[in-house]
Amino acid sequence: MDTPFSRGMARATELTQAGKLDEATALIQSLLSGAQAPETRNPDTGALEGTFTRLGDSPAQPHPTAKKMRESLGETLRNIAAGGMPGHSMGTPAPLDLPDGAQFLSLSHRGAHGTRAYRLYIPAATAPDPMPLVVMLHGCTQSPEDFALGTGMNALAEEFGCIIAYPAQPQGANAQKCWNWFRPEDQGKGRGEPALIAGIIADILRDHPTDPARVYAAGLSAGGAAAAIMGAAYPDLLAAIGVHSGLPVGGAQDVPQAFAAMRSGASGGGRSLGVPAIVFHGLADATVHPDNGKAVTGQALRAHSGLSEKRVSGTSGGGRVYRQTLYATASGQSMAEHWEIEGAGHAWAGGASGGSYTDPTGPNASREMLRFFLQHRQG
């Protein structure tokens, strides 16, 4: 959509790529403060002309909050100039403690669409029958090991009898290790990152005791957006998805649109998910607007009719108040769930404090996702 905000963000991207970070920062601050960016252009250079609104009490002594925002925006712009999306640095996660007999393999997929490394957790308590497979897509700046630690999925794999895969997005694909959910070439079946993830799934189904009727994908932030894309692109491969603090399919087609979607929410242009979905979003998320969670839920519902709607409120053990909206069939099978968490930011609900982007106060998104997933199977 061509709006003053999107045009301003497009110009900010141009300035960033040209190395004019101060000008780009000032323009984005103006846009985020609600001011109208100048739209007159120099016919020779294409540059926006005029003065920009800056945050702060005065040019000589900027307010500390404005200064901090400016520094944060400058860092974000440097990330974009390097080809990435907003993220944060993190330290090395603590080593994972594996139970006797469990395996956490380091593997790699190679195929027509490229190569991706991944970690594969095989529980010690393996079942006699093929086990469900859950594919976990990490967020920006994260690694498979960090995501495994933060979500606690490996411990739940022992309890539920699942195999868990953690594909790794390398910095060569995105400077901040984000899945490129905002690029058209990474939003469809048979191409780009969705094809790579599908290739990893095919390798695991071929080489390990996994049930092809019970394959699921879940992710956080950019990984959540990628999980939604997988649900739309591969409904013949996945039985259900989980999206935590993510965005709808088709929510952006480039970096400026990605910023707009993260800031204000995106509708996804009427697109539909082909699989059941469970969605979590913190209502205090300042990185990805909570309306994106509503949009993902709406995409999941477009494939169904005649569902009953039930709303439940509760408080997690850590004191987080949440609202859960369930959409179920007449037989009681939940086809979509939307969890909205009061006071929660951009973090995995119920995650372990040793991982990045986690909120240990709950509710436990990992456990609820597995509960939701195992209601569903292909065919």
Protein backbone atom coordinates (compact mmCIF):
# COMPACT_ATOMS: atom_id res chain seq x y z
CA MET A 1 0.00 0.00 0.00
CA ASP A 2 1.37 3.41 -1.01
CA THR A 3 1.06 5.63 2.08
CA PRO A 4 3.16 8.51 3.47
CA PHE A 5 4.53 6.09 6.08
CA SER A 6 5.55 3.46 3.50
CA ARG A 7 7.05 6.10 1.20
CA GLY A 8 8.94 7.56 4.15
CA MET A 9 10.25 4.12 5.16
CA ALA A 10 11.32 3.44 1.57
CA ARG A 11 13.27 6.69 1.58
CA ALA A 12 14.80 5.82 4.97
CA THR A 13 16.00 2.52 3.50
CA GLU A 14 17.59 4.40 0.57
CA LEU A 15 19.36 6.77 2.96
CA THR A 16 20.57 3.84 5.08
CA GLN A 17 21.97 1.97 2.12
CA ALA A 18 23.73 5.19 1.06
CA GLY A 19 25.36 5.41 4.49
CA LYS A 20 23.39 8.50 5.57
CA LEU A 21 22.37 7.07 8.93
CA ASP A 22 21.74 10.39 10.68
CA GLU A 23 19.29 11.49 8.00
CA ALA A 24 17.59 8.08 7.96
CA THR A 25 17.28 8.07 11.76
CA ALA A 26 15.74 11.54 11.78
CA LEU A 27 13.23 10.53 9.12
CA ILE A 28 12.16 7.35 10.96
CA GLN A 29 11.83 9.26 14.23
CA SER A 30 9.57 11.71 12.46
CA LEU A 31 7.44 8.89 11.04
CA LEU A 32 7.19 7.06 14.39
CA SER A 33 6.17 10.25 16.19
CA GLY A 34 3.22 10.58 13.84
CA ALA A 35 4.51 13.57 11.93
CA GLN A 36 4.00 13.78 8.20
CA ALA A 37 7.30 13.39 6.37
CA PRO A 38 7.98 15.92 3.62
CA GLU A 39 7.05 14.47 0.27
CA THR A 40 8.55 16.97 -2.15
CA ARG A 41 11.52 15.56 -4.05
CA ASN A 42 14.45 17.18 -5.70
CA PRO A 43 13.94 16.31 -9.40
CA ASP A 44 17.67 15.81 -9.90
CA THR A 45 18.50 13.62 -6.91
CA GLY A 46 15.15 12.15 -5.82
CA ALA A 47 15.93 13.23 -2.26
CA LEU A 48 13.21 14.28 0.16
CA GLU A 49 13.43 17.98 0.91
CA GLY A 50 12.44 19.94 4.00
CA THR A 51 13.00 19.65 7.72
CA PHE A 52 12.19 16.60 9.81
CA THR A 53 10.53 16.54 13.23
CA ARG A 54 13.01 15.34 15.85
CA LEU A 55 12.14 13.96 19.27
CA GLY A 56 13.46 15.90 22.26
CA ASP A 57 13.00 19.06 24.27
CA SER A 58 15.40 21.17 22.22
CA PRO A 59 18.12 20.71 19.59
CA ALA A 60 20.78 21.65 22.13
CA GLN A 61 19.68 19.33 24.96
CA PRO A 62 17.70 16.32 23.69
CA HIS A 63 15.54 14.46 26.16
CA PRO A 64 17.25 11.26 27.43
CA THR A 65 14.42 9.10 26.10
CA ALA A 66 14.76 10.68 22.66
CA LYS A 67 18.53 10.17 22.75
CA LYS A 68 18.08 6.49 23.65
CA MET A 69 15.51 6.02 20.88
CA ARG A 70 17.85 7.71 18.42
CA GLU A 71 20.72 5.39 19.38
CA SER A 72 18.42 2.36 19.09
CA LEU A 73 17.21 3.45 15.67
CA GLY A 74 20.78 4.04 14.54
CA GLU A 75 21.69 0.47 15.51
CA THR A 76 18.60 -0.86 13.75
CA LEU A 77 19.54 1.02 10.59
CA ARG A 78 23.05 -0.39 10.66
CA ASN A 79 21.51 -3.87 10.82
CA ILE A 80 19.29 -3.12 7.83
CA ALA A 81 22.21 -1.67 5.89
CA ALA A 82 23.99 -4.99 6.50
CA GLY A 83 21.00 -6.88 5.12
CA GLY A 84 19.25 -7.81 8.34
CA MET A 85 16.23 -6.93 10.42
CA PRO A 86 16.00 -5.56 13.96
CA GLY A 87 17.56 -7.80 16.58
CA HIS A 88 19.62 -7.84 19.73
CA SER A 89 22.97 -9.34 20.57
CA MET A 90 23.11 -12.26 22.95
CA GLY A 91 25.75 -14.23 24.77
CA THR A 92 26.51 -17.91 24.38
CA PRO A 93 23.68 -19.99 25.87
CA ALA A 94 24.39 -22.43 28.67
CA PRO A 95 25.10 -26.00 27.53
CA LEU A 96 22.10 -28.27 27.28
CA ASP A 97 21.84 -31.08 29.80
CA LEU A 98 20.78 -34.26 27.96
CA PRO A 99 19.28 -37.26 29.74
CA ASP A 100 21.02 -40.60 29.33
CA GLY A 101 20.19 -42.10 25.96
CA ALA A 102 18.97 -38.88 24.35
CA GLN A 103 20.68 -37.48 21.24
CA PHE A 104 21.06 -33.90 20.04
CA LEU A 105 22.47 -34.39 16.57
CA SER A 106 24.16 -31.80 14.35
CA LEU A 107 22.97 -32.43 10.80
CA SER A 108 22.78 -30.65 7.46
CA HIS A 109 20.33 -30.63 4.58
CA ARG A 110 21.64 -30.23 1.03
CA GLY A 111 19.26 -29.89 -1.87
CA ALA A 112 18.30 -28.02 -5.01
CA HIS A 113 17.44 -24.90 -3.01
CA GLY A 114 20.62 -24.75 -0.96
CA THR A 115 22.05 -25.98 2.34
CA ARG A 116 20.94 -25.51 5.92
CA ALA A 117 22.35 -26.92 9.14
CA TYR A 118 19.97 -28.09 11.86
CA ARG A 119 19.96 -29.77 15.26
CA LEU A 120 17.77 -32.80 15.85
CA TYR A 121 16.67 -33.93 19.32
CA ILE A 122 15.81 -37.61 19.65
CA PRO A 123 14.45 -38.41 23.12
CA ALA A 124 15.81 -41.18 25.29
CA ALA A 125 12.27 -42.47 25.79
CA THR A 126 11.65 -43.43 22.17
CA ALA A 127 8.29 -44.95 21.32
CA PRO A 128 7.81 -48.24 19.45
CA ASP A 129 5.76 -46.42 16.79
CA PRO A 130 6.92 -43.52 14.59
CA MET A 131 6.99 -40.31 16.63
CA PRO A 132 5.58 -36.86 15.89
CA LEU A 133 8.06 -34.32 14.49
CA VAL A 134 8.06 -30.67 15.61
CA VAL A 135 10.12 -28.16 13.61
CA MET A 136 11.16 -25.15 15.73
CA LEU A 137 12.11 -21.95 13.85
CA HIS A 138 14.15 -19.55 15.99
CA GLY A 139 13.87 -15.77 16.06
CA CYS A 140 16.38 -13.11 14.99
CA THR A 141 19.89 -13.40 16.51
CA GLN A 142 19.04 -16.78 18.02
CA SER A 143 20.58 -20.18 17.38
CA PRO A 144 19.08 -23.68 17.52
CA GLU A 145 20.82 -24.30 20.85
CA ASP A 146 19.58 -21.06 22.37
CA PHE A 147 16.05 -21.69 21.11
CA ALA A 148 16.05 -25.24 22.46
CA LEU A 149 17.16 -23.98 25.86
CA GLY A 150 14.72 -21.08 25.97
CA THR A 151 11.62 -23.00 24.87
CA GLY A 152 12.32 -26.13 26.91
CA MET A 153 11.08 -28.25 24.01
CA ASN A 154 13.64 -31.00 24.48
CA ALA A 155 12.39 -31.82 27.98
CA LEU A 156 8.81 -31.86 26.69
CA ALA A 157 9.89 -34.17 23.87
CA GLU A 158 10.77 -36.74 26.52
CA GLU A 159 7.35 -36.34 28.12
CA PHE A 160 5.28 -36.34 24.92
CA GLY A 161 7.44 -38.71 22.86
CA CYS A 162 8.37 -36.31 20.03
CA ILE A 163 11.37 -35.65 17.84
CA ILE A 164 12.31 -31.95 17.63
CA ALA A 165 14.17 -30.26 14.76
CA TYR A 166 15.82 -26.84 15.00
CA PRO A 167 16.85 -25.44 11.59
CA ALA A 168 19.57 -22.77 11.73
CA GLN A 169 19.36 -19.54 9.77
CA PRO A 170 22.97 -18.47 9.02
CA GLN A 171 24.23 -14.90 8.92
CA GLY A 172 25.02 -15.43 5.26
CA ALA A 173 21.27 -15.56 4.59
CA ASN A 174 20.40 -12.67 6.91
CA ALA A 175 22.79 -10.49 8.91
CA GLN A 176 20.67 -10.90 12.07
CA LYS A 177 19.92 -14.58 11.40
CA CYS A 178 16.22 -13.77 10.82
CA TRP A 179 14.13 -15.95 8.56
CA ASN A 180 13.34 -13.75 5.56
CA TRP A 181 9.56 -13.81 5.94
CA PHE A 182 9.23 -10.39 4.25
CA ARG A 183 10.71 -11.41 0.87
CA PRO A 184 8.39 -12.71 -1.89
CA GLU A 185 10.93 -15.37 -2.89
CA ASP A 186 10.70 -16.83 0.65
CA GLN A 187 6.91 -16.92 0.91
CA GLY A 188 5.79 -19.82 -1.27
CA LYS A 189 6.00 -23.52 -1.94
CA GLY A 190 8.91 -24.96 -3.83
CA ARG A 191 11.27 -22.00 -3.50
CA GLY A 192 13.53 -20.19 -1.08
CA GLU A 193 13.50 -20.84 2.65
CA PRO A 194 10.16 -22.72 2.73
CA ALA A 195 11.64 -25.26 0.30
CA LEU A 196 14.75 -25.59 2.47
CA ILE A 197 12.66 -26.24 5.58
CA ALA A 198 10.52 -28.75 3.66
CA GLY A 199 13.74 -30.44 2.56
CA ILE A 200 14.88 -30.77 6.17
CA ILE A 201 11.53 -32.36 7.03
CA ALA A 202 11.87 -34.81 4.12
CA ASP A 203 15.35 -35.82 5.29
CA ILE A 204 14.13 -36.47 8.83
CA LEU A 205 11.10 -38.46 7.67
CA ARG A 206 13.45 -40.59 5.53
CA ASP A 207 16.17 -41.15 8.12
CA HIS A 208 14.44 -41.22 11.52
CA PRO A 209 11.39 -42.93 13.11
CA THR A 210 8.96 -40.06 12.50
CA ASP A 211 5.27 -40.11 11.59
CA PRO A 212 4.57 -38.24 8.30
CA ALA A 213 0.97 -37.68 9.43
CA ARG A 214 2.13 -35.78 12.53
CA VAL A 215 4.55 -33.06 11.43
CA TYR A 216 4.25 -29.60 12.97
CA ALA A 217 6.10 -26.26 12.78
CA ALA A 218 6.38 -23.49 15.34
CA GLY A 219 8.43 -20.34 15.65
CA LEU A 220 9.11 -17.06 17.43
CA SER A 221 8.98 -13.62 15.80
CA ALA A 222 10.55 -13.97 12.33
CA GLY A 223 10.47 -17.72 12.96
CA GLY A 224 6.77 -17.46 13.79
CA ALA A 225 6.16 -15.65 10.51
CA ALA A 226 8.12 -18.41 8.74
CA ALA A 227 6.01 -21.07 10.47
CA ALA A 228 2.86 -19.34 9.21
CA ILE A 229 4.32 -19.35 5.69
CA MET A 230 5.03 -23.07 6.00
CA GLY A 231 1.42 -23.69 7.03
CA ALA A 232 0.13 -21.84 3.98
CA ALA A 233 2.68 -23.27 1.54
CA TYR A 234 2.76 -26.90 2.74
CA PRO A 235 -0.65 -27.95 4.12
CA ASP A 236 0.07 -31.37 2.59
CA LEU A 237 3.17 -31.71 4.77
CA LEU A 238 2.20 -30.09 8.08
CA ALA A 239 -0.69 -31.04 10.34
CA ALA A 240 -0.67 -27.81 12.45
CA ILE A 241 1.49 -24.78 13.27
CA GLY A 242 2.31 -22.55 16.24
CA VAL A 243 3.07 -18.84 15.85
CA HIS A 244 4.53 -16.91 18.79
CA SER A 245 4.92 -13.12 18.46
CA GLY A 246 4.88 -13.52 14.69
CA LEU A 247 3.22 -12.02 11.64
CA PRO A 248 0.67 -13.17 9.05
CA VAL A 249 1.51 -14.70 5.69
CA GLY A 250 1.95 -11.97 3.10
CA GLY A 251 2.26 -9.28 5.77
CA ALA A 252 5.16 -7.62 3.93
CA GLN A 253 6.97 -7.79 0.62
CA ASP A 254 10.10 -5.77 1.48
CA VAL A 255 11.93 -4.16 4.41
CA PRO A 256 9.85 -0.95 4.58
CA GLN A 257 6.62 -2.96 4.59
CA ALA A 258 8.11 -5.23 7.25
CA PHE A 259 8.73 -2.21 9.48
CA ALA A 260 5.17 -1.01 8.91
CA ALA A 261 3.74 -4.46 9.74
CA MET A 262 5.84 -4.74 12.89
CA ARG A 263 4.89 -1.23 13.99
CA SER A 264 1.15 -1.23 13.26
CA GLY A 265 0.11 -4.77 12.33
CA ALA A 266 -0.62 -6.38 8.97
CA SER A 267 -3.71 -8.07 7.54
CA GLY A 268 -2.00 -10.54 5.23
CA GLY A 269 -4.17 -9.48 2.30
CA GLY A 270 -6.93 -12.02 2.80
CA ARG A 271 -4.63 -15.03 2.54
CA SER A 272 -5.49 -18.29 4.28
CA LEU A 273 -3.56 -20.88 6.25
CA GLY A 274 -4.22 -24.42 5.22
CA VAL A 275 -3.67 -25.95 8.66
CA PRO A 276 -4.87 -25.45 12.26
CA ALA A 277 -2.91 -22.84 14.21
CA ILE A 278 -2.22 -21.86 17.81
CA VAL A 279 -1.10 -18.26 18.25
CA PHE A 280 0.56 -16.52 21.21
CA HIS A 281 1.24 -12.79 21.51
CA GLY A 282 2.16 -10.50 24.40
CA LEU A 283 -0.05 -7.44 24.58
CA ALA A 284 2.94 -5.30 25.60
CA ASP A 285 5.03 -6.43 22.63
CA ALA A 286 6.82 -3.31 21.36
CA THR A 287 8.68 -5.16 18.59
CA VAL A 288 5.84 -6.90 16.73
CA HIS A 289 2.41 -5.31 17.18
CA PRO A 290 -0.14 -7.64 18.88
CA ASP A 291 -2.62 -7.09 16.03
CA ASN A 292 -0.41 -9.40 13.99
CA GLY A 293 -1.49 -12.27 16.25
CA LYS A 294 -5.13 -11.50 15.47
CA ALA A 295 -4.30 -11.49 11.75
CA VAL A 296 -2.62 -14.91 11.91
CA THR A 297 -5.63 -16.31 13.78
CA GLY A 298 -7.91 -14.83 11.13
CA GLN A 299 -5.91 -16.53 8.39
CA ALA A 300 -6.26 -19.86 10.19
CA LEU A 301 -10.03 -19.42 10.47
CA ARG A 302 -10.56 -18.73 6.76
CA ALA A 303 -10.17 -22.43 5.99
CA HIS A 304 -13.00 -23.44 8.35
CA SER A 305 -16.66 -22.76 8.92
CA GLY A 306 -19.14 -23.68 11.62
CA LEU A 307 -16.66 -23.48 14.48
CA SER A 308 -17.80 -22.59 17.98
CA GLU A 309 -15.98 -19.79 19.80
CA LYS A 310 -15.09 -19.96 23.47
CA ARG A 311 -13.19 -17.40 25.55
CA VAL A 312 -11.31 -18.28 28.69
CA SER A 313 -9.38 -16.02 31.04
CA GLY A 314 -6.76 -17.15 33.49
CA THR A 315 -3.58 -16.36 35.36
CA SER A 316 -0.34 -18.27 34.91
CA GLY A 317 1.65 -19.59 37.85
CA GLY A 318 4.02 -16.65 37.38
CA GLY A 319 1.19 -14.12 37.59
CA ARG A 320 0.56 -13.35 33.92
CA VAL A 321 -3.09 -12.72 33.10
CA TYR A 322 -4.08 -14.15 29.72
CA ARG A 323 -7.11 -14.47 27.46
CA GLN A 324 -7.51 -17.63 25.41
CA THR A 325 -9.97 -17.72 22.50
CA LEU A 326 -10.66 -21.21 21.15
CA TYR A 327 -12.37 -22.11 17.89
CA ALA A 328 -13.53 -25.73 17.89
CA THR A 329 -15.50 -28.23 15.85
CA ALA A 330 -18.75 -29.76 17.07
CA SER A 331 -16.72 -32.72 18.37
CA GLY A 332 -14.56 -30.40 20.48
CA GLN A 333 -11.39 -30.47 18.38
CA SER A 334 -9.63 -27.10 18.60
CA MET A 335 -8.84 -25.77 15.11
CA ALA A 336 -7.47 -22.37 16.12
CA GLU A 337 -6.45 -20.76 19.40
CA HIS A 338 -5.43 -17.19 20.13
CA TRP A 339 -3.61 -16.50 23.40
CA GLU A 340 -3.23 -12.84 24.40
CA ILE A 341 -0.97 -12.24 27.40
CA GLU A 342 -1.29 -9.08 29.50
CA GLY A 343 1.96 -7.24 30.20
CA ALA A 344 4.10 -9.64 28.15
CA GLY A 345 6.63 -8.33 25.67
CA HIS A 346 8.47 -9.85 22.74
CA ALA A 347 9.38 -13.16 24.38
CA TRP A 348 8.48 -16.85 24.46
CA ALA A 349 5.85 -17.32 27.18
CA GLY A 350 6.86 -19.74 29.89
CA GLY A 351 10.38 -20.09 28.52
CA ALA A 352 13.53 -20.72 30.53
CA SER A 353 15.53 -17.72 31.70
CA GLY A 354 18.76 -19.21 30.31
CA GLY A 355 17.59 -18.58 26.75
CA SER A 356 17.12 -15.28 24.96
CA TYR A 357 13.70 -13.69 24.36
CA THR A 358 11.92 -15.66 27.09
CA ASP A 359 9.33 -14.76 29.72
CA PRO A 360 9.43 -17.44 32.46
CA THR A 361 6.27 -16.06 34.08
CA GLY A 362 4.18 -17.94 31.54
CA PRO A 363 1.78 -19.29 30.48
CA ASN A 364 3.75 -22.25 29.07
CA ALA A 365 3.53 -21.80 25.30
CA SER A 366 5.64 -24.89 24.55
CA ARG A 367 3.38 -27.24 26.51
CA GLU A 368 0.21 -25.68 25.09
CA MET A 369 1.54 -25.96 21.55
CA LEU A 370 2.28 -29.66 21.94
CA ARG A 371 -1.15 -30.20 23.48
CA PHE A 372 -2.70 -28.43 20.47
CA PHE A 373 -0.51 -30.15 17.87
CA LEU A 374 -1.21 -33.69 19.00
CA GLN A 375 -4.95 -33.23 18.36
CA HIS A 376 -4.16 -33.03 14.65
CA ARG A 377 -2.81 -35.33 11.98
CA GLN A 378 -2.74 -35.50 8.21
CA GLY A 379 -5.50 -37.43 6.48
